[in-house]
């Protein structure tokens, strides 16, 4: 709704009048603007550091949000923890390098790493092209499932991104 209003305001400042034609152009512009925003999947949890979490009982799959991968640009290298290692909530678990920057990856949960995505060793760009599917990073057996309560749902994550200027 805010995008639609911003589009109408923009069109008004460049001389379009409120009519059916300008309304259609405004709606088309709003749709184009919306396509620039990152995908946030329903049913996942999110951390404020932009990792997503898919819950499957006591095990979670973790990856980088679509927003974060788009901000980083083309990913060229991913360093992940060893299977069997412990990760701690809000502590670094790996490193990701892109054409724009190197970035630490932060674990949204505490637990034991049960699997890592070996595909990312040879094809780190999967983080960009398929952040929620082939670009997942690791699976972790949770030390305590109640820690999931601290994560954001889809709407709260969208609001977090909006409020922090993302």
Protein backbone atom coordinates (compact mmCIF):
# COMPACT_ATOMS: atom_id res chain seq x y z
CA UNK A 1 0.00 0.00 0.00
CA UNK A 2 2.83 2.38 0.86
CA UNK A 3 4.50 1.52 -2.44
CA UNK A 4 1.31 2.28 -4.35
CA UNK A 5 1.01 5.68 -2.64
CA UNK A 6 4.69 6.44 -3.27
CA UNK A 7 4.23 5.51 -6.93
CA UNK A 8 1.18 7.76 -7.26
CA UNK A 9 3.03 10.61 -5.54
CA UNK A 10 6.01 10.12 -7.86
CA UNK A 11 3.78 10.11 -10.91
CA UNK A 12 2.01 13.25 -9.70
CA UNK A 13 5.32 15.09 -9.31
CA UNK A 14 6.32 14.31 -12.89
CA UNK A 15 3.01 15.53 -14.30
CA UNK A 16 0.67 12.54 -14.46
CA UNK A 17 -2.89 13.31 -13.43
CA UNK A 18 -5.14 10.98 -11.54
CA UNK A 19 -6.96 9.07 -14.24
CA UNK A 20 -7.50 5.48 -15.24
CA UNK A 21 -4.35 5.55 -17.38
CA UNK A 22 -2.15 7.04 -14.68
CA UNK A 23 -3.66 4.69 -12.08
CA UNK A 24 -2.71 1.73 -14.29
CA UNK A 25 0.79 3.12 -14.78
CA UNK A 26 1.03 3.68 -11.02
CA UNK A 27 -0.01 0.11 -10.34
CA UNK A 28 2.49 -1.17 -12.90
CA UNK A 29 5.21 0.91 -11.26
CA UNK A 30 4.23 -0.44 -7.84
CA UNK A 31 4.44 -4.00 -9.14
CA UNK A 32 7.88 -3.30 -10.61
CA UNK A 33 9.04 -1.79 -7.33
CA UNK A 34 7.75 -4.79 -5.39
CA UNK A 35 9.85 -7.13 -7.54
CA UNK A 36 12.99 -5.46 -6.19
CA UNK A 37 12.19 -6.58 -2.65
CA UNK A 38 13.50 -9.86 -1.31
CA UNK A 39 11.44 -12.99 -0.92
CA UNK A 40 10.45 -13.97 2.61
CA UNK A 41 9.05 -17.48 2.85
CA UNK A 42 6.11 -18.31 5.04
CA UNK A 43 6.69 -21.18 7.44
CA UNK A 44 10.33 -20.33 8.14
CA UNK A 45 11.82 -18.57 11.14
CA UNK A 46 14.36 -15.75 10.73
CA UNK A 47 17.14 -14.22 12.80
CA UNK A 48 17.82 -10.50 12.98
CA UNK A 49 21.19 -11.26 11.35
CA UNK A 50 19.29 -12.50 8.25
CA UNK A 51 19.59 -16.28 8.52
CA UNK A 52 16.50 -18.40 7.92
CA UNK A 53 15.61 -21.53 9.90
CA UNK A 54 13.43 -24.41 8.74
CA UNK A 55 12.24 -26.52 11.66
CA UNK A 56 11.91 -30.31 11.40
CA UNK A 57 11.39 -31.65 14.91
CA UNK A 58 14.61 -31.20 16.89
CA UNK A 59 16.67 -30.56 13.75
CA UNK A 60 16.77 -27.30 11.83
CA UNK A 61 18.10 -26.38 8.41
CA UNK A 62 19.79 -22.98 8.23
CA UNK A 63 20.53 -20.71 5.29
CA UNK A 64 21.00 -17.08 4.37
CA UNK A 65 17.91 -14.98 3.68
CA UNK A 66 17.12 -13.78 0.19
CA UNK A 67 17.56 -10.21 1.38
CA UNK A 68 21.07 -10.89 2.73
CA UNK A 69 22.26 -12.73 -0.37
CA UNK A 70 20.99 -9.93 -2.61
CA UNK A 71 22.80 -7.31 -0.51
CA UNK A 72 26.06 -9.27 -0.65
CA UNK A 73 26.03 -9.81 -4.40
CA UNK A 74 27.50 -12.83 -6.18
CA UNK A 75 28.75 -15.34 -3.60
CA UNK A 76 32.13 -16.83 -4.57
CA UNK A 77 33.16 -18.74 -1.43
CA UNK A 78 31.46 -20.35 1.57
CA UNK A 79 33.26 -21.77 4.64
CA UNK A 80 31.06 -23.94 6.86
CA UNK A 81 31.67 -25.78 10.16
CA UNK A 82 32.61 -29.45 10.42
CA UNK A 83 29.90 -32.04 10.98
CA UNK A 84 29.87 -32.91 14.68
CA UNK A 85 30.98 -29.47 15.80
CA UNK A 86 28.93 -27.33 18.20
CA UNK A 87 27.49 -23.99 17.12
CA UNK A 88 26.34 -21.36 19.59
CA UNK A 89 23.42 -19.00 19.16
CA UNK A 90 24.52 -15.58 17.84
CA UNK A 91 28.13 -16.78 17.42
CA UNK A 92 30.02 -17.11 14.13
CA UNK A 93 29.66 -20.48 12.41
CA UNK A 94 31.24 -19.70 9.05
CA UNK A 95 32.30 -17.15 6.48
CA UNK A 96 30.81 -16.15 3.16
CA UNK A 97 32.70 -14.15 0.53
CA UNK A 98 31.08 -12.30 -2.33
CA UNK A 99 32.23 -9.93 -5.02
CA UNK A 100 31.24 -7.07 -2.69
CA UNK A 101 32.36 -8.23 0.77
CA UNK A 102 33.33 -10.96 3.18
CA UNK A 103 30.79 -11.63 5.89
CA UNK A 104 30.65 -13.76 9.01
CA UNK A 105 27.68 -16.10 9.30
CA UNK A 106 25.92 -16.21 12.67
CA UNK A 107 24.11 -19.21 14.05
CA UNK A 108 20.52 -18.46 15.03
CA UNK A 109 20.52 -21.52 17.35
CA UNK A 110 22.74 -23.59 19.65
CA UNK A 111 23.33 -27.24 18.84
CA UNK A 112 25.37 -29.87 17.02
CA UNK A 113 26.02 -29.66 13.27
CA UNK A 114 24.67 -32.86 11.73
CA UNK A 115 25.15 -31.99 8.05
CA UNK A 116 26.60 -29.27 5.85
CA UNK A 117 25.74 -28.49 2.25
CA UNK A 118 28.78 -29.75 0.35
CA UNK A 119 27.32 -28.43 -2.91
CA UNK A 120 28.32 -24.95 -1.76
CA UNK A 121 32.01 -25.91 -1.84
CA UNK A 122 31.91 -26.25 -5.62
CA UNK A 123 28.88 -24.06 -6.34
CA UNK A 124 28.76 -21.20 -3.81
CA UNK A 125 26.51 -19.24 -6.19
CA UNK A 126 23.64 -21.53 -5.09
CA UNK A 127 23.34 -19.16 -2.12
CA UNK A 128 22.25 -16.51 -4.65
CA UNK A 129 20.25 -18.55 -7.13
CA UNK A 130 18.46 -20.79 -4.63
CA UNK A 131 18.80 -19.39 -1.10
CA UNK A 132 15.89 -21.41 0.33
CA UNK A 133 16.46 -24.68 -1.52
CA UNK A 134 19.88 -25.67 -2.91
CA UNK A 135 21.63 -22.81 -1.06
CA UNK A 136 20.98 -24.06 2.50
CA UNK A 137 24.12 -24.13 4.65
CA UNK A 138 23.85 -26.55 7.56
CA UNK A 139 21.56 -28.75 9.61
CA UNK A 140 21.74 -28.53 13.39
CA UNK A 141 20.30 -30.76 16.11
CA UNK A 142 18.95 -28.28 18.65
CA UNK A 143 20.20 -28.36 22.23
CA UNK A 144 16.86 -26.86 23.32
CA UNK A 145 13.81 -26.31 21.10
CA UNK A 146 12.61 -23.36 23.19
CA UNK A 147 15.32 -21.20 21.59
CA UNK A 148 13.16 -21.15 18.45
CA UNK A 149 10.78 -18.82 20.30
CA UNK A 150 13.38 -16.04 19.99
CA UNK A 151 13.31 -16.15 16.17
CA UNK A 152 11.09 -14.02 13.95
CA UNK A 153 8.20 -15.29 11.85
CA UNK A 154 7.62 -14.05 8.29
CA UNK A 155 5.73 -10.90 9.25
CA UNK A 156 8.08 -9.95 12.08
CA UNK A 157 11.11 -10.43 9.81
CA UNK A 158 9.56 -8.26 7.09
CA UNK A 159 8.89 -5.60 9.72
CA UNK A 160 12.48 -5.92 11.03
CA UNK A 161 13.85 -5.36 7.52
CA UNK A 162 11.52 -2.39 6.99
CA UNK A 163 12.37 -0.75 10.32
CA UNK A 164 16.11 -1.16 9.88
CA UNK A 165 15.98 0.46 6.45
CA UNK A 166 16.34 -2.70 4.39
